[in-house]
């Protein structure tokens, strides 16, 4: 189902993803963050749907469908580097901090902050070309929202 997208993500020098694939890559990364602590809580699922609806102007059904597709893609994709590389190419540097806010909002949605999530968020920030300070500011913004 996701063969073409996975081939693009796994290519040694992938081309910039078209918008629908970039949306799916972000959604899959949100799912990966939510699952990183071994618990995929209902609060995280709801937060992913809200993030996708807000970021992409989707109705609740379209957001849930995108998340559902992303859940399947996330299980098939081998590593986080591929998603972040696709997003880094698709999103301007000045807009990537908003991606981190979205990612932190999902990581914090279940009310728990786990070491696995912190490690993944540190990796993702680095791979997106953001600093630890950028990530901390994004986390603080996510906590306030």
Protein backbone atom coordinates (compact mmCIF):
# COMPACT_ATOMS: atom_id res chain seq x y z
CA UNK A 1 0.00 0.00 0.00
CA UNK A 2 2.83 2.40 0.85
CA UNK A 3 5.42 0.84 -1.46
CA UNK A 4 6.17 3.96 -3.51
CA UNK A 5 6.47 6.19 -0.47
CA UNK A 6 8.68 3.68 1.36
CA UNK A 7 10.92 3.38 -1.72
CA UNK A 8 11.25 7.17 -1.78
CA UNK A 9 12.04 7.30 1.92
CA UNK A 10 14.63 4.53 1.62
CA UNK A 11 16.37 5.96 -1.46
CA UNK A 12 19.98 7.01 -0.86
CA UNK A 13 19.23 10.51 -2.18
CA UNK A 14 15.46 10.88 -2.02
CA UNK A 15 13.62 13.53 -3.96
CA UNK A 16 11.47 16.08 -2.19
CA UNK A 17 8.18 14.45 -1.29
CA UNK A 18 4.96 15.77 -2.78
CA UNK A 19 2.61 17.40 -0.25
CA UNK A 20 0.36 14.35 0.33
CA UNK A 21 3.40 12.19 1.10
CA UNK A 22 4.92 14.87 3.34
CA UNK A 23 1.62 14.96 5.27
CA UNK A 24 1.75 11.21 5.66
CA UNK A 25 5.40 11.34 6.79
CA UNK A 26 4.50 13.88 9.49
CA UNK A 27 1.52 11.81 10.59
CA UNK A 28 3.69 8.68 10.78
CA UNK A 29 6.29 10.54 12.84
CA UNK A 30 3.54 11.70 15.22
CA UNK A 31 2.41 8.08 15.57
CA UNK A 32 6.00 6.95 16.17
CA UNK A 33 6.39 9.51 18.96
CA UNK A 34 3.09 8.41 20.53
CA UNK A 35 4.12 4.75 20.41
CA UNK A 36 7.70 5.32 21.60
CA UNK A 37 6.88 4.70 25.27
CA UNK A 38 5.14 1.40 24.53
CA UNK A 39 1.69 2.82 25.18
CA UNK A 40 -0.49 4.27 22.42
CA UNK A 41 -3.04 6.07 24.56
CA UNK A 42 -6.42 7.39 23.40
CA UNK A 43 -5.29 10.90 24.38
CA UNK A 44 -2.36 10.61 21.98
CA UNK A 45 -4.61 9.39 19.17
CA UNK A 46 -6.97 12.31 19.74
CA UNK A 47 -4.07 14.77 19.82
CA UNK A 48 -2.66 13.39 16.56
CA UNK A 49 -6.04 13.84 14.90
CA UNK A 50 -6.29 17.43 16.17
CA UNK A 51 -2.75 18.27 15.03
CA UNK A 52 -3.39 16.86 11.57
CA UNK A 53 -6.75 18.59 11.25
CA UNK A 54 -5.32 21.94 12.34
CA UNK A 55 -2.06 21.75 10.37
CA UNK A 56 -3.63 20.56 7.13
CA UNK A 57 -7.14 22.00 7.34
CA UNK A 58 -8.79 18.58 7.46
CA UNK A 59 -12.18 17.64 8.82
CA UNK A 60 -12.18 15.10 11.68
CA UNK A 61 -12.86 12.15 9.36
CA UNK A 62 -10.03 13.04 6.96
CA UNK A 63 -7.65 13.56 9.89
CA UNK A 64 -8.58 10.16 11.34
CA UNK A 65 -8.08 8.52 7.93
CA UNK A 66 -4.65 10.14 7.56
CA UNK A 67 -3.71 8.94 11.06
CA UNK A 68 -4.93 5.44 10.26
CA UNK A 69 -2.80 5.35 7.11
CA UNK A 70 0.13 6.72 9.13
CA UNK A 71 -0.24 3.96 11.73
CA UNK A 72 0.18 1.37 8.99
CA UNK A 73 3.13 3.22 7.43
CA UNK A 74 4.85 3.68 10.79
CA UNK A 75 4.89 -0.07 11.38
CA UNK A 76 6.45 -0.67 7.94
CA UNK A 77 9.08 2.09 8.00
CA UNK A 78 12.46 1.00 9.31
CA UNK A 79 13.66 4.12 11.10
CA UNK A 80 12.90 7.64 12.22
CA UNK A 81 15.65 9.17 10.09
CA UNK A 82 13.62 8.65 6.91
CA UNK A 83 10.59 10.55 8.20
CA UNK A 84 12.63 13.43 9.53
CA UNK A 85 14.70 13.71 6.36
CA UNK A 86 11.51 13.92 4.30
CA UNK A 87 10.09 16.58 6.63
CA UNK A 88 13.35 18.52 6.73
CA UNK A 89 13.24 18.73 2.92
CA UNK A 90 9.55 19.65 2.87
CA UNK A 91 9.41 22.24 5.69
CA UNK A 92 11.41 25.46 5.87
CA UNK A 93 13.77 25.78 8.84
CA UNK A 94 11.76 28.61 10.38
CA UNK A 95 8.63 26.40 10.37
CA UNK A 96 10.23 23.28 11.86
CA UNK A 97 9.86 24.55 15.42
CA UNK A 98 6.09 24.29 14.91
CA UNK A 99 6.61 20.64 13.96
CA UNK A 100 8.41 20.18 17.27
CA UNK A 101 5.52 21.81 19.13
CA UNK A 102 3.15 19.34 17.46
CA UNK A 103 5.43 16.40 18.25
CA UNK A 104 5.81 17.48 21.88
CA UNK A 105 2.05 17.94 22.21
CA UNK A 106 1.60 14.29 21.22
CA UNK A 107 4.42 13.08 23.48
CA UNK A 108 2.88 14.91 26.44
CA UNK A 109 -0.78 14.11 25.65
CA UNK A 110 -0.98 11.09 27.96
CA UNK A 111 0.28 13.12 30.92
CA UNK A 112 3.48 11.11 31.20
CA UNK A 113 6.99 12.02 30.17
CA UNK A 114 9.01 8.90 29.57
CA UNK A 115 12.76 8.53 28.93
CA UNK A 116 12.09 6.80 25.61
CA UNK A 117 10.06 9.77 24.40
CA UNK A 118 12.74 12.21 25.53
CA UNK A 119 15.42 10.29 23.63
CA UNK A 120 13.30 10.15 20.49
CA UNK A 121 12.42 13.84 20.72
CA UNK A 122 16.11 14.75 21.11
CA UNK A 123 16.93 12.67 18.03
CA UNK A 124 14.08 14.15 16.00
CA UNK A 125 15.04 17.72 16.88
CA UNK A 126 18.61 17.06 15.82
CA UNK A 127 17.56 15.39 12.57
CA UNK A 128 15.26 18.33 11.77
CA UNK A 129 18.21 20.68 12.20
CA UNK A 130 16.96 22.10 15.50
CA UNK A 131 18.87 22.57 18.73
CA UNK A 132 18.09 21.26 22.19
CA UNK A 133 17.07 24.81 23.09
CA UNK A 134 14.65 24.90 20.12
CA UNK A 135 13.17 21.61 21.30
CA UNK A 136 12.87 22.83 24.91
CA UNK A 137 11.08 25.98 23.77
CA UNK A 138 8.74 23.87 21.62
CA UNK A 139 8.06 21.58 24.61
CA UNK A 140 7.26 24.57 26.82
CA UNK A 141 4.89 25.95 24.19
CA UNK A 142 3.19 22.53 23.86
CA UNK A 143 2.78 22.38 27.66
CA UNK A 144 1.05 25.79 27.66
CA UNK A 145 -1.38 24.91 24.87
